[in-house]
Amino acid sequence: MKRAETTKIKLRPCCLSDIPLLEYWDRQAHVIASDPNDDWHWEFELDRRPDWRSQCIAELSGRPIGFVQIIDPAREDSHYWGDVPGHVRAIDIWIGEATDLRKGYGTTIMHCVLARCFSDPEVMAVWVDPLESNTGAHRFYEKLGFQLMARRRFGQDDCFVYQLARPHWNKEHMEIR
């Protein structure tokens, strides 16, 4: 994939009209394999806009290709992450279609997301929590500079918690889109 193609990736806020697409993506085998036990409650969640969360559709030249959620884990209302320090963001990301995997789109999306997170000078780190069994995701995050912090169980899922601290963020390769 050419760099020019990935520069056409933009993030836009999710809206209620995205529900059929998100539900379709939720049924894809590769999405289920990375997030088997979550119900996102799209109708409810997309109808509210708390200031501690951003939910976006990643688009390539206007074509939806993925979903991103950025939260402030210290403030989010489910307390999924437990008691955590402030000045952190946590990310969920997936590519919707299996045919769009391994083309560099996830990397470009993460560059956009990390630039957005670190544009707030108070954010000191970004966290992700891939399943322990998802070795492809581990390699993906490690390649981006994330470091393994811990193994942790979230509900029914055994996960690895990775962190990218601000000092390890390579902002020269990241642009806000």
C-alpha atoms as a PDB file:
ATOM      1  CA  MET A   1       0.000   0.000   0.000  1.00  0.00           C
ATOM      2  CA  LYS A   2       1.261   3.432  -0.869  1.00  0.00           C
ATOM      3  CA  ARG A   3       1.655   6.200   1.690  1.00  0.00           C
ATOM      4  CA  ALA A   4      -0.538   8.467  -0.457  1.00  0.00           C
ATOM      5  CA  GLU A   5      -3.414   6.007  -0.030  1.00  0.00           C
ATOM      6  CA  THR A   6      -3.168   5.922   3.769  1.00  0.00           C
ATOM      7  CA  THR A   7      -3.089   9.730   3.957  1.00  0.00           C
ATOM      8  CA  LYS A   8      -6.667   9.614   2.690  1.00  0.00           C
ATOM      9  CA  ILE A   9      -7.793   8.125   6.015  1.00  0.00           C
ATOM     10  CA  LYS A  10      -9.846  10.485   8.151  1.00  0.00           C
ATOM     11  CA  LEU A  11     -11.710  10.083  11.434  1.00  0.00           C
ATOM     12  CA  ARG A  12     -15.251  11.351  11.794  1.00  0.00           C
ATOM     13  CA  PRO A  13     -17.624  11.136  14.762  1.00  0.00           C
ATOM     14  CA  CYS A  14     -19.973   8.151  14.824  1.00  0.00           C
ATOM     15  CA  CYS A  15     -23.653   8.883  14.380  1.00  0.00           C
ATOM     16  CA  LEU A  16     -26.870   6.910  14.733  1.00  0.00           C
ATOM     17  CA  SER A  17     -26.923   6.144  11.011  1.00  0.00           C
ATOM     18  CA  ASP A  18     -23.694   4.122  11.536  1.00  0.00           C
ATOM     19  CA  ILE A  19     -25.498   1.522  13.675  1.00  0.00           C
ATOM     20  CA  PRO A  20     -26.218  -0.970  10.841  1.00  0.00           C
ATOM     21  CA  LEU A  21     -22.574  -0.828   9.736  1.00  0.00           C
ATOM     22  CA  LEU A  22     -21.246  -1.234  13.292  1.00  0.00           C
ATOM     23  CA  GLU A  23     -23.605  -4.147  13.939  1.00  0.00           C
ATOM     24  CA  TYR A  24     -22.461  -5.754  10.680  1.00  0.00           C
ATOM     25  CA  TRP A  25     -18.808  -5.329  11.664  1.00  0.00           C
ATOM     26  CA  ASP A  26     -19.614  -6.806  15.099  1.00  0.00           C
ATOM     27  CA  ARG A  27     -20.617 -10.031  13.322  1.00  0.00           C
ATOM     28  CA  GLN A  28     -17.340 -10.414  11.384  1.00  0.00           C
ATOM     29  CA  ALA A  29     -15.192 -13.338  12.543  1.00  0.00           C
ATOM     30  CA  HIS A  30     -12.009 -11.278  13.000  1.00  0.00           C
ATOM     31  CA  VAL A  31     -13.885  -8.675  15.083  1.00  0.00           C
ATOM     32  CA  ILE A  32     -15.527 -11.366  17.223  1.00  0.00           C
ATOM     33  CA  ALA A  33     -12.138 -13.023  17.711  1.00  0.00           C
ATOM     34  CA  SER A  34     -10.686  -9.770  19.065  1.00  0.00           C
ATOM     35  CA  ASP A  35     -13.711  -8.789  21.182  1.00  0.00           C
ATOM     36  CA  PRO A  36     -15.844 -11.889  21.828  1.00  0.00           C
ATOM     37  CA  ASN A  37     -17.723 -10.910  24.976  1.00  0.00           C
ATOM     38  CA  ASP A  38     -18.763  -7.282  24.536  1.00  0.00           C
ATOM     39  CA  ASP A  39     -22.102  -5.844  23.555  1.00  0.00           C
ATOM     40  CA  TRP A  40     -21.550  -2.252  22.545  1.00  0.00           C
ATOM     41  CA  HIS A  41     -25.238  -1.214  22.958  1.00  0.00           C
ATOM     42  CA  TRP A  42     -24.911   0.966  19.866  1.00  0.00           C
ATOM     43  CA  GLU A  43     -28.412   2.489  19.991  1.00  0.00           C
ATOM     44  CA  PHE A  44     -27.844   3.755  23.523  1.00  0.00           C
ATOM     45  CA  GLU A  45     -24.161   4.652  23.289  1.00  0.00           C
ATOM     46  CA  LEU A  46     -24.271   6.532  19.995  1.00  0.00           C
ATOM     47  CA  ASP A  47     -27.190   8.592  21.240  1.00  0.00           C
ATOM     48  CA  ARG A  48     -25.105  10.148  24.016  1.00  0.00           C
ATOM     49  CA  ARG A  49     -21.918  12.181  23.893  1.00  0.00           C
ATOM     50  CA  PRO A  50     -20.129  12.210  27.259  1.00  0.00           C
ATOM     51  CA  ASP A  51     -17.122  14.532  27.360  1.00  0.00           C
ATOM     52  CA  TRP A  52     -14.847  11.672  28.450  1.00  0.00           C
ATOM     53  CA  ARG A  53     -15.358   9.646  25.227  1.00  0.00           C
ATOM     54  CA  SER A  54     -14.960   9.969  21.488  1.00  0.00           C
ATOM     55  CA  GLN A  55     -16.297   7.343  19.067  1.00  0.00           C
ATOM     56  CA  CYS A  56     -15.233   7.626  15.437  1.00  0.00           C
ATOM     57  CA  ILE A  57     -15.516   5.914  12.094  1.00  0.00           C
ATOM     58  CA  ALA A  58     -12.261   5.737  10.168  1.00  0.00           C
ATOM     59  CA  GLU A  59     -12.828   6.403   6.486  1.00  0.00           C
ATOM     60  CA  LEU A  60     -10.522   5.799   3.540  1.00  0.00           C
ATOM     61  CA  SER A  61     -11.429   8.278   0.786  1.00  0.00           C
ATOM     62  CA  GLY A  62     -14.945   8.440   2.289  1.00  0.00           C
ATOM     63  CA  ARG A  63     -15.361   4.635   2.633  1.00  0.00           C
ATOM     64  CA  PRO A  64     -15.844   3.443   6.233  1.00  0.00           C
ATOM     65  CA  ILE A  65     -13.102   0.970   7.148  1.00  0.00           C
ATOM     66  CA  GLY A  66     -12.926   0.928  10.939  1.00  0.00           C
ATOM     67  CA  PHE A  67     -14.079   2.028  14.362  1.00  0.00           C
ATOM     68  CA  VAL A  68     -12.183   3.858  17.091  1.00  0.00           C
ATOM     69  CA  GLN A  69     -13.131   4.692  20.642  1.00  0.00           C
ATOM     70  CA  ILE A  70     -11.013   6.948  22.839  1.00  0.00           C
ATOM     71  CA  ILE A  71     -11.915   7.264  26.507  1.00  0.00           C
ATOM     72  CA  ASP A  72     -10.623   8.874  29.650  1.00  0.00           C
ATOM     73  CA  PRO A  73     -10.547   5.719  31.806  1.00  0.00           C
ATOM     74  CA  ALA A  74     -10.502   7.698  35.060  1.00  0.00           C
ATOM     75  CA  ARG A  75     -13.819   9.333  34.169  1.00  0.00           C
ATOM     76  CA  GLU A  76     -15.762   6.797  32.101  1.00  0.00           C
ATOM     77  CA  ASP A  77     -18.971   5.664  33.769  1.00  0.00           C
ATOM     78  CA  SER A  78     -18.639   1.859  33.681  1.00  0.00           C
ATOM     79  CA  HIS A  79     -15.301   1.936  35.553  1.00  0.00           C
ATOM     80  CA  TYR A  80     -14.089  -0.811  33.208  1.00  0.00           C
ATOM     81  CA  TRP A  81     -10.446   0.017  33.972  1.00  0.00           C
ATOM     82  CA  GLY A  82     -11.036   0.329  37.728  1.00  0.00           C
ATOM     83  CA  ASP A  83      -9.319   2.982  39.815  1.00  0.00           C
ATOM     84  CA  VAL A  84      -6.809   4.589  37.451  1.00  0.00           C
ATOM     85  CA  PRO A  85      -4.768   7.782  37.433  1.00  0.00           C
ATOM     86  CA  GLY A  86      -5.853  10.816  35.468  1.00  0.00           C
ATOM     87  CA  HIS A  87      -4.075  12.041  32.352  1.00  0.00           C
ATOM     88  CA  VAL A  88      -4.438   8.708  30.510  1.00  0.00           C
ATOM     89  CA  ARG A  89      -6.493   7.717  27.479  1.00  0.00           C
ATOM     90  CA  ALA A  90      -7.604   4.209  26.509  1.00  0.00           C
ATOM     91  CA  ILE A  91      -8.305   3.135  22.940  1.00  0.00           C
ATOM     92  CA  ASP A  92     -10.436   0.515  21.222  1.00  0.00           C
ATOM     93  CA  ILE A  93      -9.857   0.072  17.505  1.00  0.00           C
ATOM     94  CA  TRP A  94     -10.850  -2.393  14.840  1.00  0.00           C
ATOM     95  CA  ILE A  95     -10.937  -2.715  11.091  1.00  0.00           C
ATOM     96  CA  GLY A  96     -14.419  -3.692   9.891  1.00  0.00           C
ATOM     97  CA  GLU A  97     -13.730  -5.905   6.871  1.00  0.00           C
ATOM     98  CA  ALA A  98     -11.178  -8.719   6.846  1.00  0.00           C
ATOM     99  CA  THR A  99     -10.188  -7.644   3.326  1.00  0.00           C
ATOM    100  CA  ASP A 100      -8.941  -4.340   4.790  1.00  0.00           C
ATOM    101  CA  LEU A 101      -6.572  -6.016   7.252  1.00  0.00           C
ATOM    102  CA  ARG A 102      -2.778  -5.959   6.799  1.00  0.00           C
ATOM    103  CA  LYS A 103      -2.818  -3.002   4.424  1.00  0.00           C
ATOM    104  CA  GLY A 104      -1.431  -0.393   6.832  1.00  0.00           C
ATOM    105  CA  TYR A 105      -4.813   1.153   7.558  1.00  0.00           C
ATOM    106  CA  GLY A 106      -4.722   0.282  11.265  1.00  0.00           C
ATOM    107  CA  THR A 107      -1.287   1.869  11.601  1.00  0.00           C
ATOM    108  CA  THR A 108      -2.463   5.069   9.951  1.00  0.00           C
ATOM    109  CA  ILE A 109      -5.602   5.128  12.088  1.00  0.00           C
ATOM    110  CA  MET A 110      -3.482   4.666  15.220  1.00  0.00           C
ATOM    111  CA  HIS A 111      -1.206   7.523  14.146  1.00  0.00           C
ATOM    112  CA  CYS A 112      -4.284   9.760  13.871  1.00  0.00           C
ATOM    113  CA  VAL A 113      -5.656   8.572  17.215  1.00  0.00           C
ATOM    114  CA  LEU A 114      -2.362   8.939  19.080  1.00  0.00           C
ATOM    115  CA  ALA A 115      -1.862  12.427  17.680  1.00  0.00           C
ATOM    116  CA  ARG A 116      -5.368  13.301  18.851  1.00  0.00           C
ATOM    117  CA  CYS A 117      -4.737  11.870  22.329  1.00  0.00           C
ATOM    118  CA  PHE A 118      -1.350  13.531  22.786  1.00  0.00           C
ATOM    119  CA  SER A 119      -2.580  16.869  21.415  1.00  0.00           C
ATOM    120  CA  ASP A 120      -3.845  17.362  24.972  1.00  0.00           C
ATOM    121  CA  PRO A 121      -0.647  18.318  26.829  1.00  0.00           C
ATOM    122  CA  GLU A 122      -1.983  16.766  30.041  1.00  0.00           C
ATOM    123  CA  VAL A 123      -2.244  13.257  28.544  1.00  0.00           C
ATOM    124  CA  MET A 124       0.809  11.320  29.684  1.00  0.00           C
ATOM    125  CA  ALA A 125      -0.022   7.838  28.338  1.00  0.00           C
ATOM    126  CA  VAL A 126      -2.362   5.839  26.101  1.00  0.00           C
ATOM    127  CA  TRP A 127      -3.527   2.324  27.001  1.00  0.00           C
ATOM    128  CA  VAL A 128      -4.866  -0.610  24.964  1.00  0.00           C
ATOM    129  CA  ASP A 129      -6.081  -4.004  26.168  1.00  0.00           C
ATOM    130  CA  PRO A 130      -5.928  -6.676  23.452  1.00  0.00           C
ATOM    131  CA  LEU A 131      -6.874 -10.231  24.315  1.00  0.00           C
ATOM    132  CA  GLU A 132      -3.985 -12.298  25.629  1.00  0.00           C
ATOM    133  CA  SER A 133      -4.549 -14.689  22.709  1.00  0.00           C
ATOM    134  CA  ASN A 134      -4.404 -11.933  20.068  1.00  0.00           C
ATOM    135  CA  THR A 135      -0.700 -12.127  19.253  1.00  0.00           C
ATOM    136  CA  GLY A 136      -1.163 -10.151  16.039  1.00  0.00           C
ATOM    137  CA  ALA A 137      -2.479  -7.202  18.050  1.00  0.00           C
ATOM    138  CA  HIS A 138       0.463  -7.515  20.459  1.00  0.00           C
ATOM    139  CA  ARG A 139       2.913  -7.217  17.559  1.00  0.00           C
ATOM    140  CA  PHE A 140       0.924  -4.316  16.109  1.00  0.00           C
ATOM    141  CA  TYR A 141       0.989  -2.292  19.333  1.00  0.00           C
ATOM    142  CA  GLU A 142       4.628  -3.133  20.101  1.00  0.00           C
ATOM    143  CA  LYS A 143       5.618  -1.953  16.618  1.00  0.00           C
ATOM    144  CA  LEU A 144       3.939   1.378  17.436  1.00  0.00           C
ATOM    145  CA  GLY A 145       6.011   1.695  20.626  1.00  0.00           C
ATOM    146  CA  PHE A 146       3.524   0.376  23.195  1.00  0.00           C
ATOM    147  CA  GLN A 147       5.043  -1.514  26.113  1.00  0.00           C
ATOM    148  CA  LEU A 148       3.427  -4.381  27.994  1.00  0.00           C
ATOM    149  CA  MET A 149       2.410  -3.250  31.481  1.00  0.00           C
ATOM    150  CA  ALA A 150       0.422  -6.199  32.825  1.00  0.00           C
ATOM    151  CA  ARG A 151      -1.803  -9.175  32.242  1.00  0.00           C
ATOM    152  CA  ARG A 152      -5.301  -8.493  33.461  1.00  0.00           C
ATOM    153  CA  ARG A 153      -8.753 -10.060  33.410  1.00  0.00           C
ATOM    154  CA  PHE A 154     -11.581  -7.784  32.246  1.00  0.00           C
ATOM    155  CA  GLY A 155     -14.889  -9.574  32.779  1.00  0.00           C
ATOM    156  CA  GLN A 156     -14.539 -12.898  30.919  1.00  0.00           C
ATOM    157  CA  ASP A 157     -11.468 -11.824  28.935  1.00  0.00           C
ATOM    158  CA  ASP A 158      -7.789 -12.356  29.701  1.00  0.00           C
ATOM    159  CA  CYS A 159      -5.982  -9.358  28.280  1.00  0.00           C
ATOM    160  CA  PHE A 160      -2.592  -7.734  28.026  1.00  0.00           C
ATOM    161  CA  VAL A 161      -2.500  -4.076  29.010  1.00  0.00           C
ATOM    162  CA  TYR A 162      -0.117  -2.044  26.888  1.00  0.00           C
ATOM    163  CA  GLN A 163       0.940   1.545  27.405  1.00  0.00           C
ATOM    164  CA  LEU A 164       2.481   4.149  25.146  1.00  0.00           C
ATOM    165  CA  ALA A 165       3.938   6.858  27.369  1.00  0.00           C
ATOM    166  CA  ARG A 166       4.302  10.370  26.013  1.00  0.00           C
ATOM    167  CA  PRO A 167       8.136  10.223  26.027  1.00  0.00           C
ATOM    168  CA  HIS A 168       7.990   7.132  23.746  1.00  0.00           C
ATOM    169  CA  TRP A 169       5.552   8.705  21.295  1.00  0.00           C
ATOM    170  CA  ASN A 170       7.205   9.424  17.960  1.00  0.00           C
ATOM    171  CA  LYS A 171       5.244  12.498  16.958  1.00  0.00           C
ATOM    172  CA  GLU A 172       7.327  13.076  13.828  1.00  0.00           C
ATOM    173  CA  HIS A 173       5.394  10.224  12.190  1.00  0.00           C
ATOM    174  CA  MET A 174       2.010  11.214  13.493  1.00  0.00           C
ATOM    175  CA  GLU A 175      -0.404  13.811  12.197  1.00  0.00           C
ATOM    176  CA  ILE A 176      -3.815  14.921  13.416  1.00  0.00           C
ATOM    177  CA  ARG A 177      -6.505  14.196  10.848  1.00  0.00           C
END
